[in-house]
Amino acid sequence: MKIIALALLASTLGSIGAVGVSSAAATNAPVRLTFEKTIADPAAGVWTGTTGGDVNGTLRTELRSLTVTGSIWHVTFDWIITAGERSFTARLTGVLNTATGGVVMNGTVVDGWLEGARVHEAGQLLDPDSLHFEGTIRLMPRTAS
């Protein structure tokens, strides 16, 4: 009887451990957002828009630096997402290919929710007149400190 009780206890503890591991893995899963943004202040390099997916909120991007090499623009932006307790600011650096309208940037959450997490953004210019972009953002929380 003692052996059966110990086996049952071990089985139960193993199940609890598996649930704990699953919860931890879920916590470290990438956070996926969609975004849309349009130029709000061309002189200041500010776009505004919204985010969806895992974090619904408002978006403000602020151009911090720009270097042009032919059709490639090397850019650094602060991405400011306002979404209650999931609000954060990420600094992203990457390129805009003006020939294709494609953008790819990488960086880190520098303030707020998931501070320290790595961030990857991929976007596409859809309207050159309004400088309207849409795309995705992925945060990797397991990289946060």
N, C-alpha and C. Protein backbone atom coordinates (compact mmCIF):
# COMPACT_ATOMS: atom_id res chain seq x y z
N MET A 1 0.82 -1.19 0.00
CA MET A 1 0.00 0.00 0.00
C MET A 1 0.87 1.27 0.00
N LYS A 2 1.97 1.20 0.81
CA LYS A 2 2.89 2.33 0.88
C LYS A 2 3.50 2.61 -0.49
N ILE A 3 3.86 1.57 -1.22
CA ILE A 3 4.47 1.72 -2.54
C ILE A 3 3.48 2.35 -3.52
N ILE A 4 2.22 1.95 -3.47
CA ILE A 4 1.19 2.53 -4.34
C ILE A 4 1.01 4.00 -4.01
N ALA A 5 0.97 4.36 -2.73
CA ALA A 5 0.81 5.76 -2.31
C ALA A 5 2.00 6.59 -2.78
N LEU A 6 3.22 6.05 -2.64
CA LEU A 6 4.41 6.78 -3.09
C LEU A 6 4.40 6.96 -4.61
N ALA A 7 3.99 5.93 -5.34
CA ALA A 7 3.91 6.02 -6.80
C ALA A 7 2.88 7.07 -7.21
N LEU A 8 1.73 7.10 -6.52
CA LEU A 8 0.70 8.09 -6.81
C LEU A 8 1.20 9.49 -6.51
N LEU A 9 1.90 9.65 -5.36
CA LEU A 9 2.46 10.95 -4.99
C LEU A 9 3.50 11.40 -6.02
N ALA A 10 4.38 10.50 -6.44
CA ALA A 10 5.41 10.83 -7.44
C ALA A 10 4.76 11.22 -8.76
N SER A 11 3.72 10.50 -9.14
CA SER A 11 3.00 10.81 -10.37
C SER A 11 2.36 12.19 -10.30
N THR A 12 1.75 12.48 -9.15
CA THR A 12 1.10 13.78 -8.96
C THR A 12 2.13 14.91 -8.99
N LEU A 13 3.25 14.72 -8.28
CA LEU A 13 4.30 15.75 -8.28
C LEU A 13 4.88 15.94 -9.67
N GLY A 14 5.04 14.85 -10.39
CA GLY A 14 5.52 14.95 -11.77
C GLY A 14 4.58 15.76 -12.63
N SER A 15 3.27 15.55 -12.45
CA SER A 15 2.28 16.31 -13.21
C SER A 15 2.32 17.79 -12.85
N ILE A 16 2.48 18.08 -11.55
CA ILE A 16 2.58 19.47 -11.12
C ILE A 16 3.81 20.12 -11.72
N GLY A 17 4.94 19.37 -11.70
CA GLY A 17 6.17 19.89 -12.29
C GLY A 17 5.99 20.16 -13.77
N ALA A 18 5.31 19.26 -14.47
CA ALA A 18 5.08 19.45 -15.91
C ALA A 18 4.22 20.68 -16.16
N VAL A 19 3.21 20.90 -15.30
CA VAL A 19 2.38 22.10 -15.45
C VAL A 19 3.23 23.33 -15.22
N GLY A 20 4.11 23.28 -14.20
CA GLY A 20 4.98 24.42 -13.92
C GLY A 20 5.89 24.73 -15.10
N VAL A 21 6.43 23.71 -15.72
CA VAL A 21 7.30 23.90 -16.87
C VAL A 21 6.51 24.48 -18.03
N SER A 22 5.30 23.96 -18.24
CA SER A 22 4.47 24.48 -19.33
C SER A 22 4.14 25.95 -19.11
N SER A 23 3.82 26.31 -17.86
CA SER A 23 3.50 27.71 -17.56
C SER A 23 4.71 28.59 -17.82
N ALA A 24 5.89 28.11 -17.40
CA ALA A 24 7.10 28.89 -17.62
C ALA A 24 7.37 29.04 -19.11
N ALA A 25 7.18 27.95 -19.86
CA ALA A 25 7.40 28.01 -21.30
C ALA A 25 6.43 28.98 -21.95
N ALA A 26 5.18 28.98 -21.48
CA ALA A 26 4.19 29.90 -22.03
C ALA A 26 4.57 31.34 -21.74
N THR A 27 5.13 31.58 -20.54
CA THR A 27 5.55 32.92 -20.16
C THR A 27 6.68 33.41 -21.06
N ASN A 28 7.53 32.49 -21.51
CA ASN A 28 8.66 32.86 -22.34
C ASN A 28 8.35 32.82 -23.83
N ALA A 29 7.13 32.50 -24.19
CA ALA A 29 6.75 32.46 -25.59
C ALA A 29 6.83 33.87 -26.19
N PRO A 30 7.16 33.97 -27.47
CA PRO A 30 7.20 35.30 -28.10
C PRO A 30 5.85 36.01 -27.99
N VAL A 31 5.91 37.32 -27.81
CA VAL A 31 4.72 38.16 -27.82
C VAL A 31 4.62 38.73 -29.23
N ARG A 32 3.47 38.54 -29.87
CA ARG A 32 3.30 38.94 -31.27
C ARG A 32 2.29 40.07 -31.38
N LEU A 33 2.72 41.14 -32.04
CA LEU A 33 1.86 42.29 -32.26
C LEU A 33 1.76 42.57 -33.75
N THR A 34 0.66 43.16 -34.13
CA THR A 34 0.54 43.76 -35.45
C THR A 34 0.52 45.26 -35.24
N PHE A 35 0.85 46.01 -36.26
CA PHE A 35 0.78 47.46 -36.12
C PHE A 35 0.40 48.10 -37.45
N GLU A 36 -0.13 49.30 -37.32
CA GLU A 36 -0.33 50.19 -38.46
C GLU A 36 0.01 51.57 -37.95
N LYS A 37 0.67 52.37 -38.81
CA LYS A 37 1.05 53.72 -38.40
C LYS A 37 1.14 54.61 -39.64
N THR A 38 0.88 55.89 -39.40
CA THR A 38 0.90 56.91 -40.46
C THR A 38 1.67 58.12 -39.93
N ILE A 39 2.36 58.82 -40.80
CA ILE A 39 3.13 59.99 -40.39
C ILE A 39 2.21 61.01 -39.71
N ALA A 40 2.64 61.50 -38.57
CA ALA A 40 1.86 62.50 -37.83
C ALA A 40 2.57 63.85 -37.83
N ASP A 41 3.90 63.83 -37.79
CA ASP A 41 4.69 65.06 -37.78
C ASP A 41 5.95 64.82 -38.61
N PRO A 42 5.88 65.12 -39.91
CA PRO A 42 7.04 64.85 -40.79
C PRO A 42 8.31 65.58 -40.36
N ALA A 43 8.19 66.81 -39.88
CA ALA A 43 9.37 67.57 -39.48
C ALA A 43 10.08 66.93 -38.30
N ALA A 44 9.33 66.34 -37.39
CA ALA A 44 9.91 65.72 -36.19
C ALA A 44 10.17 64.22 -36.39
N GLY A 45 9.70 63.64 -37.49
CA GLY A 45 9.88 62.21 -37.72
C GLY A 45 9.05 61.36 -36.78
N VAL A 46 7.78 61.73 -36.62
CA VAL A 46 6.89 61.03 -35.69
C VAL A 46 5.73 60.39 -36.46
N TRP A 47 5.49 59.10 -36.20
CA TRP A 47 4.35 58.37 -36.73
C TRP A 47 3.46 57.98 -35.56
N THR A 48 2.15 57.88 -35.80
CA THR A 48 1.22 57.39 -34.78
C THR A 48 0.33 56.32 -35.39
N GLY A 49 -0.16 55.44 -34.52
CA GLY A 49 -1.01 54.37 -35.00
C GLY A 49 -1.49 53.50 -33.87
N THR A 50 -1.74 52.23 -34.18
CA THR A 50 -2.26 51.30 -33.19
C THR A 50 -1.55 49.96 -33.30
N THR A 51 -1.65 49.18 -32.21
CA THR A 51 -1.14 47.82 -32.20
C THR A 51 -2.29 46.86 -31.91
N GLY A 52 -2.14 45.63 -32.37
CA GLY A 52 -3.12 44.58 -32.12
C GLY A 52 -2.39 43.28 -31.83
N GLY A 53 -3.11 42.19 -31.85
CA GLY A 53 -2.51 40.90 -31.54
C GLY A 53 -2.45 40.69 -30.04
N ASP A 54 -1.28 40.33 -29.52
CA ASP A 54 -1.13 40.07 -28.09
C ASP A 54 -1.17 41.33 -27.23
N VAL A 55 -0.95 42.50 -27.83
CA VAL A 55 -0.98 43.77 -27.09
C VAL A 55 -1.76 44.79 -27.91
N ASN A 56 -2.95 45.14 -27.44
CA ASN A 56 -3.77 46.15 -28.10
C ASN A 56 -3.49 47.51 -27.46
N GLY A 57 -3.09 48.46 -28.28
CA GLY A 57 -2.79 49.78 -27.72
C GLY A 57 -2.55 50.80 -28.80
N THR A 58 -1.99 51.92 -28.37
CA THR A 58 -1.63 52.98 -29.31
C THR A 58 -0.13 52.93 -29.52
N LEU A 59 0.29 53.45 -30.65
CA LEU A 59 1.69 53.40 -31.06
C LEU A 59 2.16 54.78 -31.45
N ARG A 60 3.37 55.10 -31.02
CA ARG A 60 4.04 56.32 -31.44
C ARG A 60 5.48 55.92 -31.75
N THR A 61 5.96 56.23 -32.95
CA THR A 61 7.36 55.97 -33.26
C THR A 61 8.04 57.31 -33.51
N GLU A 62 9.25 57.43 -32.96
CA GLU A 62 10.01 58.68 -33.08
C GLU A 62 11.37 58.38 -33.69
N LEU A 63 11.66 59.01 -34.81
CA LEU A 63 12.94 58.84 -35.49
C LEU A 63 14.05 59.46 -34.66
N ARG A 64 15.09 58.66 -34.37
CA ARG A 64 16.23 59.13 -33.58
C ARG A 64 17.45 59.39 -34.46
N SER A 65 17.60 58.59 -35.53
CA SER A 65 18.72 58.83 -36.45
C SER A 65 18.39 58.28 -37.82
N LEU A 66 19.02 58.88 -38.83
CA LEU A 66 18.80 58.50 -40.23
C LEU A 66 20.09 58.73 -41.00
N THR A 67 20.53 57.68 -41.72
CA THR A 67 21.65 57.77 -42.64
C THR A 67 21.20 57.13 -43.95
N VAL A 68 21.39 57.84 -45.06
CA VAL A 68 20.93 57.35 -46.36
C VAL A 68 22.11 56.86 -47.18
N THR A 69 21.97 55.63 -47.70
CA THR A 69 22.95 55.05 -48.61
C THR A 69 22.18 54.56 -49.83
N GLY A 70 22.08 55.42 -50.85
CA GLY A 70 21.30 55.07 -52.03
C GLY A 70 19.84 54.88 -51.67
N SER A 71 19.28 53.71 -52.01
CA SER A 71 17.86 53.45 -51.72
C SER A 71 17.66 52.87 -50.32
N ILE A 72 18.74 52.68 -49.58
CA ILE A 72 18.65 52.11 -48.23
C ILE A 72 18.80 53.22 -47.20
N TRP A 73 17.80 53.30 -46.33
CA TRP A 73 17.85 54.23 -45.21
C TRP A 73 18.14 53.44 -43.95
N HIS A 74 19.23 53.79 -43.26
CA HIS A 74 19.58 53.19 -41.97
C HIS A 74 18.93 54.05 -40.90
N VAL A 75 18.06 53.44 -40.09
CA VAL A 75 17.25 54.22 -39.16
C VAL A 75 17.32 53.65 -37.74
N THR A 76 17.10 54.54 -36.79
CA THR A 76 16.89 54.16 -35.39
C THR A 76 15.62 54.86 -34.94
N PHE A 77 14.70 54.09 -34.36
CA PHE A 77 13.43 54.61 -33.88
C PHE A 77 13.20 54.19 -32.43
N ASP A 78 12.50 55.03 -31.69
CA ASP A 78 11.90 54.61 -30.43
C ASP A 78 10.46 54.25 -30.74
N TRP A 79 10.06 53.04 -30.34
CA TRP A 79 8.70 52.55 -30.51
C TRP A 79 8.04 52.63 -29.14
N ILE A 80 7.02 53.45 -29.00
CA ILE A 80 6.36 53.67 -27.72
C ILE A 80 4.95 53.10 -27.83
N ILE A 81 4.72 52.00 -27.11
CA ILE A 81 3.41 51.35 -27.13
C ILE A 81 2.74 51.64 -25.80
N THR A 82 1.55 52.22 -25.86
CA THR A 82 0.77 52.52 -24.66
C THR A 82 -0.38 51.53 -24.61
N ALA A 83 -0.32 50.64 -23.59
CA ALA A 83 -1.32 49.57 -23.48
C ALA A 83 -1.48 49.17 -22.01
N GLY A 84 -1.74 50.15 -21.15
CA GLY A 84 -1.92 49.85 -19.73
C GLY A 84 -0.68 49.22 -19.13
N GLU A 85 -0.86 48.10 -18.40
CA GLU A 85 0.28 47.46 -17.74
C GLU A 85 1.24 46.79 -18.73
N ARG A 86 0.86 46.70 -19.99
CA ARG A 86 1.74 46.14 -21.02
C ARG A 86 2.40 47.24 -21.87
N SER A 87 2.47 48.45 -21.35
CA SER A 87 3.11 49.56 -22.05
C SER A 87 4.63 49.40 -22.01
N PHE A 88 5.28 49.76 -23.11
CA PHE A 88 6.74 49.68 -23.15
C PHE A 88 7.29 50.59 -24.23
N THR A 89 8.60 50.86 -24.13
CA THR A 89 9.34 51.59 -25.15
C THR A 89 10.47 50.69 -25.61
N ALA A 90 10.62 50.56 -26.92
CA ALA A 90 11.70 49.76 -27.50
C ALA A 90 12.51 50.65 -28.43
N ARG A 91 13.82 50.50 -28.39
CA ARG A 91 14.69 51.20 -29.34
C ARG A 91 15.10 50.19 -30.41
N LEU A 92 14.75 50.50 -31.67
CA LEU A 92 15.00 49.60 -32.79
C LEU A 92 15.87 50.27 -33.85
N THR A 93 16.78 49.51 -34.41
CA THR A 93 17.66 49.98 -35.46
C THR A 93 17.55 49.02 -36.64
N GLY A 94 17.53 49.58 -37.85
CA GLY A 94 17.44 48.71 -39.01
C GLY A 94 17.46 49.49 -40.30
N VAL A 95 16.79 48.92 -41.32
CA VAL A 95 16.83 49.53 -42.64
C VAL A 95 15.43 49.62 -43.26
N LEU A 96 15.25 50.68 -44.02
CA LEU A 96 14.09 50.86 -44.90
C LEU A 96 14.65 50.83 -46.32
N ASN A 97 14.14 49.92 -47.11
CA ASN A 97 14.52 49.85 -48.51
C ASN A 97 13.49 50.69 -49.27
N THR A 98 13.88 51.87 -49.72
CA THR A 98 12.93 52.77 -50.37
C THR A 98 12.49 52.26 -51.74
N ALA A 99 13.23 51.33 -52.32
CA ALA A 99 12.83 50.75 -53.61
C ALA A 99 11.67 49.77 -53.44
N THR A 100 11.66 49.03 -52.33
CA THR A 100 10.61 48.02 -52.11
C THR A 100 9.60 48.44 -51.04
N GLY A 101 9.97 49.39 -50.19
CA GLY A 101 9.10 49.80 -49.08
C GLY A 101 9.22 48.90 -47.86
N GLY A 102 10.09 47.89 -47.93
CA GLY A 102 10.25 46.97 -46.81
C GLY A 102 11.12 47.54 -45.71
N VAL A 103 10.76 47.23 -44.47
CA VAL A 103 11.51 47.68 -43.30
C VAL A 103 11.79 46.47 -42.41
N VAL A 104 13.00 46.39 -41.89
CA VAL A 104 13.34 45.38 -40.89
C VAL A 104 14.18 46.07 -39.83
N MET A 105 13.77 45.91 -38.56
CA MET A 105 14.50 46.51 -37.45
C MET A 105 14.58 45.53 -36.29
N ASN A 106 15.63 45.66 -35.51
CA ASN A 106 15.83 44.86 -34.31
C ASN A 106 16.28 45.75 -33.18
N GLY A 107 15.99 45.35 -31.95
CA GLY A 107 16.42 46.13 -30.81
C GLY A 107 15.99 45.50 -29.51
N THR A 108 15.77 46.36 -28.52
CA THR A 108 15.51 45.92 -27.15
C THR A 108 14.46 46.81 -26.50
N VAL A 109 13.66 46.21 -25.62
CA VAL A 109 12.75 46.99 -24.80
C VAL A 109 13.61 47.73 -23.78
N VAL A 110 13.57 49.06 -23.81
CA VAL A 110 14.43 49.87 -22.94
C VAL A 110 13.70 50.41 -21.71
N ASP A 111 12.35 50.30 -21.71
CA ASP A 111 11.60 50.78 -20.56
C ASP A 111 10.22 50.12 -20.55
N GLY A 112 9.74 49.82 -19.35
CA GLY A 112 8.39 49.30 -19.20
C GLY A 112 8.30 47.79 -19.22
N TRP A 113 7.14 47.30 -19.66
CA TRP A 113 6.82 45.87 -19.67
C TRP A 113 7.88 45.10 -20.47
N LEU A 114 8.36 44.02 -19.91
CA LEU A 114 9.35 43.14 -20.53
C LEU A 114 10.67 43.85 -20.83
N GLU A 115 11.04 44.82 -19.98
CA GLU A 115 12.30 45.53 -20.18
C GLU A 115 13.44 44.53 -20.37
N GLY A 116 14.27 44.77 -21.37
CA GLY A 116 15.39 43.89 -21.69
C GLY A 116 15.08 42.87 -22.76
N ALA A 117 13.81 42.67 -23.09
CA ALA A 117 13.44 41.69 -24.12
C ALA A 117 13.94 42.15 -25.49
N ARG A 118 14.33 41.19 -26.31
CA ARG A 118 14.72 41.51 -27.69
C ARG A 118 13.46 41.72 -28.52
N VAL A 119 13.57 42.58 -29.52
CA VAL A 119 12.42 42.95 -30.36
C VAL A 119 12.82 42.85 -31.83
N HIS A 120 11.90 42.31 -32.63
CA HIS A 120 12.09 42.25 -34.08
C HIS A 120 10.85 42.86 -34.74
N GLU A 121 11.08 43.77 -35.67
CA GLU A 121 9.98 44.42 -36.39
C GLU A 121 10.18 44.20 -37.88
N ALA A 122 9.08 43.89 -38.57
CA ALA A 122 9.08 43.80 -40.03
C ALA A 122 7.86 44.55 -40.52
N GLY A 123 8.08 45.53 -41.41
CA GLY A 123 6.98 46.35 -41.88
C GLY A 123 7.04 46.57 -43.37
N GLN A 124 5.97 47.16 -43.87
CA GLN A 124 5.86 47.44 -45.30
C GLN A 124 5.19 48.79 -45.49
N LEU A 125 5.79 49.64 -46.29
CA LEU A 125 5.17 50.91 -46.67
C LEU A 125 4.04 50.60 -47.64
N LEU A 126 2.81 51.00 -47.27
CA LEU A 126 1.66 50.73 -48.12
C LEU A 126 1.18 51.96 -48.89
N ASP A 127 1.45 53.14 -48.34
CA ASP A 127 1.01 54.38 -49.01
C ASP A 127 2.12 55.42 -48.89
N PRO A 128 2.87 55.65 -49.97
CA PRO A 128 3.96 56.62 -49.91
C PRO A 128 3.50 58.05 -49.67
N ASP A 129 2.26 58.38 -50.03
CA ASP A 129 1.77 59.75 -49.82
C ASP A 129 1.56 60.07 -48.34
N SER A 130 0.98 59.12 -47.60
CA SER A 130 0.73 59.34 -46.17
C SER A 130 1.79 58.69 -45.30
N LEU A 131 2.77 58.04 -45.94
CA LEU A 131 3.80 57.26 -45.25
C LEU A 131 3.15 56.29 -44.25
N HIS A 132 2.17 55.55 -44.76
CA HIS A 132 1.43 54.57 -43.95
C HIS A 132 2.14 53.21 -44.05
N PHE A 133 2.46 52.67 -42.88
CA PHE A 133 3.13 51.37 -42.77
C PHE A 133 2.25 50.40 -42.00
N GLU A 134 2.39 49.13 -42.30
CA GLU A 134 1.78 48.05 -41.52
C GLU A 134 2.81 46.96 -41.38
N GLY A 135 2.67 46.18 -40.29
CA GLY A 135 3.63 45.09 -40.11
C GLY A 135 3.43 44.35 -38.81
N THR A 136 4.51 43.71 -38.39
CA THR A 136 4.48 42.89 -37.18
C THR A 136 5.66 43.23 -36.27
N ILE A 137 5.44 42.99 -34.99
CA ILE A 137 6.48 43.16 -33.98
C ILE A 137 6.49 41.88 -33.16
N ARG A 138 7.68 41.37 -32.87
CA ARG A 138 7.79 40.18 -32.02
C ARG A 138 8.75 40.50 -30.88
N LEU A 139 8.29 40.26 -29.66
CA LEU A 139 9.13 40.44 -28.47
C LEU A 139 9.50 39.05 -27.96
N MET A 140 10.73 38.87 -27.55
CA MET A 140 11.20 37.61 -27.00
C MET A 140 11.46 37.80 -25.50
N PRO A 141 10.44 37.55 -24.66
CA PRO A 141 10.56 37.81 -23.23
C PRO A 141 11.67 37.05 -22.54
N ARG A 142 12.00 35.85 -22.99
CA ARG A 142 13.01 35.05 -22.31
C ARG A 142 14.38 35.73 -22.32
N THR A 143 14.53 36.77 -23.16
CA THR A 143 15.79 37.50 -23.19
C THR A 143 15.79 38.64 -22.19
N ALA A 144 14.64 38.93 -21.58
CA ALA A 144 14.56 40.02 -20.59
C ALA A 144 15.31 39.62 -19.34
N SER A 145 15.91 40.62 -18.70
CA SER A 145 16.65 40.33 -17.46
C SER A 145 15.75 40.43 -16.25
